[in-house]
Amino acid sequence: MHFIFYIDLLHLYYTFFFLRKEYFLYYCLMKPLSPLQLKEFLEEKVLQFNTSSFIADDPISIPHLFHLKEDKEIAGFLTALIAWGQRKVILKNAQEMMRRMDQQPYNFICDHTLKERKSFSDFVHRTFNGIDAMYMLKALQTLYNSSSSLEDVFSKGIQQKLDLSIAIHQARTELLSFAAPGRTGKHIADPLRNSSAKRICMYLRWMVRNDKTGVDFGIWKKIKPKDLYCPLDIHSGRVARTLGLLTRKQDDWKAVTELTINLKKLDKNDPVKYDFALFGLGVYEGFR
């Protein structure tokens, strides 16, 4: 009993000095923060984690290797497709994809030959394999050589005043419309099937948000930050539930919608900036 009490005191000490007074009070009293306290707390955490020091160990570091818009969006999309599992492995395999494209993803996508595409036949990241990689290269080549782009594909639904869930569904349908193997579809999530679409929401955050901190790129102008939905995974979901931002237990699109609606109450124009706070609290500070 004494040992457990001592550990609780250490937890309280950490909470007070590292997670700010408001959360200390929340932990002690088990009462929700006021909307103002919650906003202030999350804003501080956004400032803490939305910095250039966040980049190096995150998948967003891969598109940060490039300067050309098309390089960034192609590298970002391919990286997002494999962004699950250990981050070191994600970065290693994403870097391998860039190496096989001679560190020129846009030029490679537009100009690669069938032989060069087949050089990806042995690529593997968890369940994403060479069949999936070769198809995505083929699809992107068809897309870009028809004077389209990933921004065009993902923004069509938004420009039609449709919800992001429908825009993502439409983009997925188009990306899989070039005789995709049956197995490849599982790597592009569909919110209309109630998937959380975490990796796509993350990718859209990268491309759309631009708050001058140097993390997200803000290179897409056809989608506004207010149109985005917050990426949701086990870490951000746990933090969101603790803070009263999310009641749904499953990490699915219904939960993404609920979370985003509540984040818009804090900032209607840029709700997804709080992804930095939720993710950072969950991964780096062990917030539960």
Protein backbone atom coordinates (compact mmCIF):
# COMPACT_ATOMS: atom_id res chain seq x y z
CA MET A 1 0.00 0.00 0.00
CA HIS A 2 2.79 2.42 0.91
CA PHE A 3 4.55 1.64 -2.37
CA ILE A 4 1.39 2.28 -4.40
CA PHE A 5 0.80 5.54 -2.55
CA TYR A 6 4.40 6.60 -3.26
CA ILE A 7 3.99 5.89 -6.95
CA ASP A 8 0.77 7.93 -7.01
CA LEU A 9 2.62 10.85 -5.42
CA LEU A 10 5.29 10.64 -8.12
CA HIS A 11 2.57 10.64 -10.78
CA LEU A 12 1.00 13.72 -9.24
CA TYR A 13 4.38 15.44 -9.02
CA TYR A 14 5.06 14.71 -12.71
CA THR A 15 1.58 15.85 -13.65
CA PHE A 16 1.88 19.16 -11.83
CA PHE A 17 5.35 20.12 -13.03
CA PHE A 18 5.29 18.76 -16.59
CA LEU A 19 1.68 18.67 -17.75
CA ARG A 20 0.55 21.99 -16.25
CA LYS A 21 -1.59 23.01 -13.30
CA GLU A 22 -4.95 22.55 -15.02
CA TYR A 23 -4.34 18.87 -15.70
CA PHE A 24 -3.05 18.43 -12.16
CA LEU A 25 -6.41 19.69 -10.92
CA TYR A 26 -8.21 17.45 -13.39
CA TYR A 27 -6.24 14.42 -12.18
CA CYS A 28 -6.87 15.20 -8.50
CA LEU A 29 -10.51 16.15 -8.69
CA MET A 30 -11.51 13.92 -11.64
CA LYS A 31 -13.53 16.79 -13.07
CA PRO A 32 -13.46 17.90 -16.71
CA LEU A 33 -11.53 21.01 -17.59
CA SER A 34 -13.55 24.04 -18.55
CA PRO A 35 -13.58 24.78 -22.30
CA LEU A 36 -11.19 27.69 -21.72
CA GLN A 37 -8.81 25.60 -19.60
CA LEU A 38 -8.89 22.80 -22.18
CA LYS A 39 -8.16 25.19 -25.04
CA GLU A 40 -5.28 26.82 -23.14
CA PHE A 41 -3.82 23.44 -22.24
CA LEU A 42 -4.00 22.09 -25.79
CA GLU A 43 -2.69 25.33 -27.29
CA GLU A 44 0.40 25.04 -25.08
CA LYS A 45 0.93 21.47 -26.22
CA VAL A 46 0.54 22.45 -29.88
CA LEU A 47 3.28 25.04 -29.39
CA GLN A 48 5.42 22.40 -27.68
CA PHE A 49 5.13 19.69 -30.33
CA ASN A 50 4.45 21.61 -33.56
CA THR A 51 8.11 22.49 -34.02
CA SER A 52 10.92 21.55 -36.37
CA SER A 53 12.33 19.19 -33.73
CA PHE A 54 9.24 17.04 -34.32
CA ILE A 55 10.22 16.32 -37.93
CA ALA A 56 13.28 14.07 -37.73
CA ASP A 57 11.65 11.02 -36.14
CA ASP A 58 8.29 11.37 -37.89
CA PRO A 59 7.20 10.07 -41.32
CA ILE A 60 6.75 13.70 -42.42
CA SER A 61 10.55 13.83 -42.56
CA ILE A 62 10.43 11.96 -45.90
CA PRO A 63 8.59 14.63 -47.93
CA HIS A 64 10.73 17.20 -46.10
CA LEU A 65 13.68 15.83 -48.09
CA PHE A 66 12.33 17.58 -51.20
CA HIS A 67 11.62 21.10 -52.42
CA LEU A 68 9.38 20.65 -55.47
CA LYS A 69 5.65 20.54 -54.69
CA GLU A 70 5.09 17.40 -56.76
CA ASP A 71 8.01 15.64 -55.07
CA LYS A 72 6.59 16.48 -51.65
CA GLU A 73 3.07 15.30 -52.41
CA ILE A 74 4.18 12.06 -54.08
CA ALA A 75 6.77 11.24 -51.41
CA GLY A 76 4.25 12.13 -48.72
CA PHE A 77 1.52 9.95 -50.20
CA LEU A 78 3.73 6.89 -50.63
CA THR A 79 5.10 7.36 -47.12
CA ALA A 80 1.61 7.74 -45.65
CA LEU A 81 0.54 4.48 -47.32
CA ILE A 82 3.10 2.56 -45.24
CA ALA A 83 2.92 4.69 -42.07
CA TRP A 84 1.94 2.03 -39.60
CA GLY A 85 4.13 0.00 -37.29
CA GLN A 86 7.44 1.05 -35.76
CA ARG A 87 8.45 4.50 -36.92
CA LYS A 88 12.08 3.50 -37.47
CA VAL A 89 10.93 0.80 -39.87
CA ILE A 90 8.51 3.18 -41.59
CA LEU A 91 11.31 5.70 -42.18
CA LYS A 92 13.72 3.01 -43.35
CA ASN A 93 11.28 1.61 -45.89
CA ALA A 94 10.06 5.01 -47.07
CA GLN A 95 13.67 6.06 -47.61
CA GLU A 96 14.18 2.86 -49.59
CA MET A 97 11.28 3.79 -51.87
CA MET A 98 12.84 7.22 -52.47
CA ARG A 99 16.21 5.58 -53.20
CA ARG A 100 14.63 3.32 -55.81
CA MET A 101 13.17 6.43 -57.43
CA ASP A 102 16.64 8.03 -57.55
CA GLN A 103 15.53 10.65 -54.99
CA GLN A 104 13.36 12.21 -57.71
CA PRO A 105 9.84 10.89 -57.08
CA TYR A 106 8.04 13.22 -59.49
CA ASN A 107 10.41 12.58 -62.39
CA PHE A 108 10.36 8.87 -61.68
CA ILE A 109 6.56 8.73 -61.55
CA CYS A 110 6.22 10.56 -64.87
CA ASP A 111 9.01 8.84 -66.80
CA HIS A 112 9.66 5.39 -65.34
CA THR A 113 9.55 2.34 -67.59
CA LEU A 114 7.90 -0.99 -66.89
CA LYS A 115 11.33 -2.44 -66.13
CA GLU A 116 11.99 0.30 -63.57
CA ARG A 117 8.57 -0.27 -62.03
CA LYS A 118 9.32 -3.96 -61.67
CA SER A 119 12.36 -3.06 -59.58
CA PHE A 120 9.81 -2.57 -56.79
CA SER A 121 8.57 -6.17 -57.08
CA ASP A 122 10.49 -7.23 -53.96
CA PHE A 123 9.54 -4.20 -51.86
CA VAL A 124 7.84 -5.11 -48.58
CA HIS A 125 6.52 -3.14 -45.65
CA ARG A 126 4.38 -5.33 -43.43
CA THR A 127 1.39 -6.26 -45.64
CA PHE A 128 2.21 -3.65 -48.32
CA ASN A 129 4.24 -5.58 -50.87
CA GLY A 130 5.69 -5.33 -54.36
CA ILE A 131 2.31 -5.89 -56.04
CA ASP A 132 0.87 -2.93 -54.17
CA ALA A 133 3.92 -0.75 -54.78
CA MET A 134 4.00 -1.44 -58.51
CA TYR A 135 0.29 -0.71 -58.85
CA MET A 136 0.57 2.61 -57.00
CA LEU A 137 3.48 3.65 -59.25
CA LYS A 138 1.40 2.79 -62.30
CA ALA A 139 -1.65 4.66 -60.97
CA LEU A 140 0.35 7.77 -60.11
CA GLN A 141 2.04 7.73 -63.51
CA THR A 142 -1.32 7.57 -65.25
CA LEU A 143 -2.60 10.35 -63.04
CA TYR A 144 0.28 12.77 -63.49
CA ASN A 145 0.71 12.10 -67.19
CA SER A 146 -2.93 13.09 -67.70
CA SER A 147 -2.22 16.57 -66.29
CA SER A 148 -3.78 15.73 -62.96
CA SER A 149 -2.24 15.51 -59.49
CA LEU A 150 -2.88 14.14 -56.03
CA GLU A 151 -4.18 17.55 -54.98
CA ASP A 152 -6.72 17.44 -57.81
CA VAL A 153 -7.83 13.95 -56.85
CA PHE A 154 -8.35 14.67 -53.16
CA SER A 155 -9.88 18.11 -53.62
CA LYS A 156 -12.62 17.23 -56.13
CA GLY A 157 -15.16 16.39 -53.47
CA ILE A 158 -14.28 19.42 -51.37
CA GLN A 159 -14.75 21.72 -54.34
CA GLN A 160 -18.19 20.16 -54.81
CA LYS A 161 -18.96 21.18 -51.19
CA LEU A 162 -18.98 17.56 -50.07
CA ASP A 163 -17.82 16.25 -46.71
CA LEU A 164 -14.21 15.07 -46.44
CA SER A 165 -15.36 11.49 -45.96
CA ILE A 166 -16.92 11.54 -49.41
CA ALA A 167 -13.93 13.37 -50.90
CA ILE A 168 -11.60 10.66 -49.58
CA HIS A 169 -13.92 7.93 -50.87
CA GLN A 170 -13.95 9.53 -54.32
CA ALA A 171 -10.16 9.90 -54.31
CA ARG A 172 -9.76 6.27 -53.27
CA THR A 173 -12.09 5.15 -56.07
CA GLU A 174 -10.09 7.11 -58.65
CA LEU A 175 -6.72 5.91 -57.37
CA LEU A 176 -7.91 2.30 -57.60
CA SER A 177 -9.53 2.69 -61.03
CA PHE A 178 -6.51 1.59 -63.10
CA ALA A 179 -7.11 -2.18 -62.78
CA ALA A 180 -5.96 -2.37 -59.17
CA PRO A 181 -5.23 -5.83 -57.76
CA GLY A 182 -7.87 -6.89 -55.27
CA ARG A 183 -5.41 -6.87 -52.39
CA THR A 184 -4.27 -3.26 -52.93
CA GLY A 185 -7.52 -1.55 -51.95
CA LYS A 186 -7.01 -2.31 -48.27
CA HIS A 187 -4.07 0.10 -48.21
CA ILE A 188 -6.25 3.13 -48.98
CA ALA A 189 -8.84 3.50 -46.25
CA ASP A 190 -12.48 4.34 -46.95
CA PRO A 191 -14.37 6.47 -44.39
CA LEU A 192 -17.65 5.39 -45.98
CA ARG A 193 -16.84 1.93 -44.65
CA ASN A 194 -16.30 3.58 -41.23
CA SER A 195 -12.52 3.34 -41.35
CA SER A 196 -10.75 6.05 -39.33
CA ALA A 197 -8.56 6.69 -42.42
CA LYS A 198 -5.82 7.83 -40.05
CA ARG A 199 -3.01 7.79 -42.60
CA ILE A 200 -5.00 9.69 -45.24
CA CYS A 201 -6.09 12.30 -42.68
CA MET A 202 -2.48 12.62 -41.61
CA TYR A 203 -1.34 13.03 -45.21
CA LEU A 204 -3.95 15.71 -45.85
CA ARG A 205 -2.79 17.55 -42.73
CA TRP A 206 0.76 17.54 -44.11
CA MET A 207 -0.29 18.93 -47.46
CA VAL A 208 -2.93 21.46 -46.37
CA ARG A 209 -1.94 23.04 -43.05
CA ASN A 210 0.57 25.89 -43.02
CA ASP A 211 1.11 27.81 -39.81
CA LYS A 212 4.67 28.93 -40.52
CA THR A 213 6.27 26.52 -38.01
CA GLY A 214 7.90 24.52 -40.79
CA VAL A 215 6.29 21.16 -40.00
CA ASP A 216 3.22 20.89 -42.25
CA PHE A 217 3.70 22.14 -45.81
CA GLY A 218 0.57 24.06 -46.77
CA ILE A 219 1.26 23.44 -50.47
CA TRP A 220 -2.32 22.47 -51.34
CA LYS A 221 -4.67 25.42 -51.77
CA LYS A 222 -7.83 23.67 -52.99
CA ILE A 223 -8.56 22.29 -49.52
CA LYS A 224 -8.74 24.53 -46.46
CA PRO A 225 -7.54 23.58 -42.94
CA LYS A 226 -11.14 23.94 -41.73
CA ASP A 227 -12.15 21.08 -44.04
CA LEU A 228 -9.74 18.59 -42.46
CA TYR A 229 -10.56 15.84 -39.97
CA CYS A 230 -8.22 14.92 -37.13
CA PRO A 231 -6.06 11.80 -37.55
CA LEU A 232 -7.07 9.26 -34.92
CA ASP A 233 -5.05 6.36 -33.57
CA ILE A 234 -4.73 4.53 -30.28
CA HIS A 235 -2.58 7.28 -28.73
CA SER A 236 -4.60 10.34 -29.73
CA GLY A 237 -7.83 8.48 -29.06
CA ARG A 238 -6.83 7.62 -25.51
CA VAL A 239 -5.84 11.22 -24.76
CA ALA A 240 -9.01 12.60 -26.38
CA ARG A 241 -11.19 10.35 -24.23
CA THR A 242 -9.35 11.34 -21.06
CA LEU A 243 -9.87 15.01 -21.87
CA GLY A 244 -13.56 14.53 -22.65
CA LEU A 245 -13.17 15.26 -26.37
CA LEU A 246 -14.30 11.79 -27.41
CA THR A 247 -16.84 9.38 -25.95
CA ARG A 248 -17.01 6.71 -28.66
CA LYS A 249 -14.89 3.68 -27.73
CA GLN A 250 -14.01 2.50 -31.23
CA ASP A 251 -11.33 4.27 -33.27
CA ASP A 252 -13.41 4.58 -36.42
CA TRP A 253 -14.77 7.35 -38.67
CA LYS A 254 -17.66 8.03 -36.32
CA ALA A 255 -15.08 8.71 -33.61
CA VAL A 256 -13.04 10.87 -36.00
CA THR A 257 -16.16 12.91 -36.71
CA GLU A 258 -17.02 13.32 -33.03
CA LEU A 259 -13.46 14.34 -32.17
CA THR A 260 -13.21 16.83 -35.02
CA ILE A 261 -16.54 18.44 -34.12
CA ASN A 262 -15.29 18.97 -30.58
CA LEU A 263 -11.92 20.31 -31.76
CA LYS A 264 -13.74 22.80 -34.01
CA LYS A 265 -15.31 24.22 -30.86
CA LEU A 266 -11.76 25.18 -29.84
CA ASP A 267 -10.64 26.42 -33.27
CA LYS A 268 -13.13 26.24 -36.13
CA ASN A 269 -10.59 27.32 -38.75
CA ASP A 270 -7.78 24.92 -37.84
CA PRO A 271 -9.08 22.06 -35.69
CA VAL A 272 -6.45 19.57 -36.83
CA LYS A 273 -3.57 21.51 -35.28
CA TYR A 274 -4.57 19.79 -32.04
CA ASP A 275 -3.35 16.52 -33.55
CA PHE A 276 0.12 17.65 -32.44
CA ALA A 277 -1.12 18.04 -28.86
CA LEU A 278 -3.04 14.77 -28.68
CA PHE A 279 -0.30 12.73 -30.32
CA GLY A 280 2.50 14.36 -28.34
CA LEU A 281 0.71 13.89 -25.03
CA GLY A 282 0.03 10.24 -25.80
CA VAL A 283 3.37 9.22 -27.30
CA TYR A 284 5.92 11.47 -25.60
CA GLU A 285 4.34 12.21 -22.23
CA GLY A 286 2.43 9.02 -21.54
CA PHE A 287 -0.78 10.93 -20.88
CA ARG A 288 -3.60 8.53 -19.98
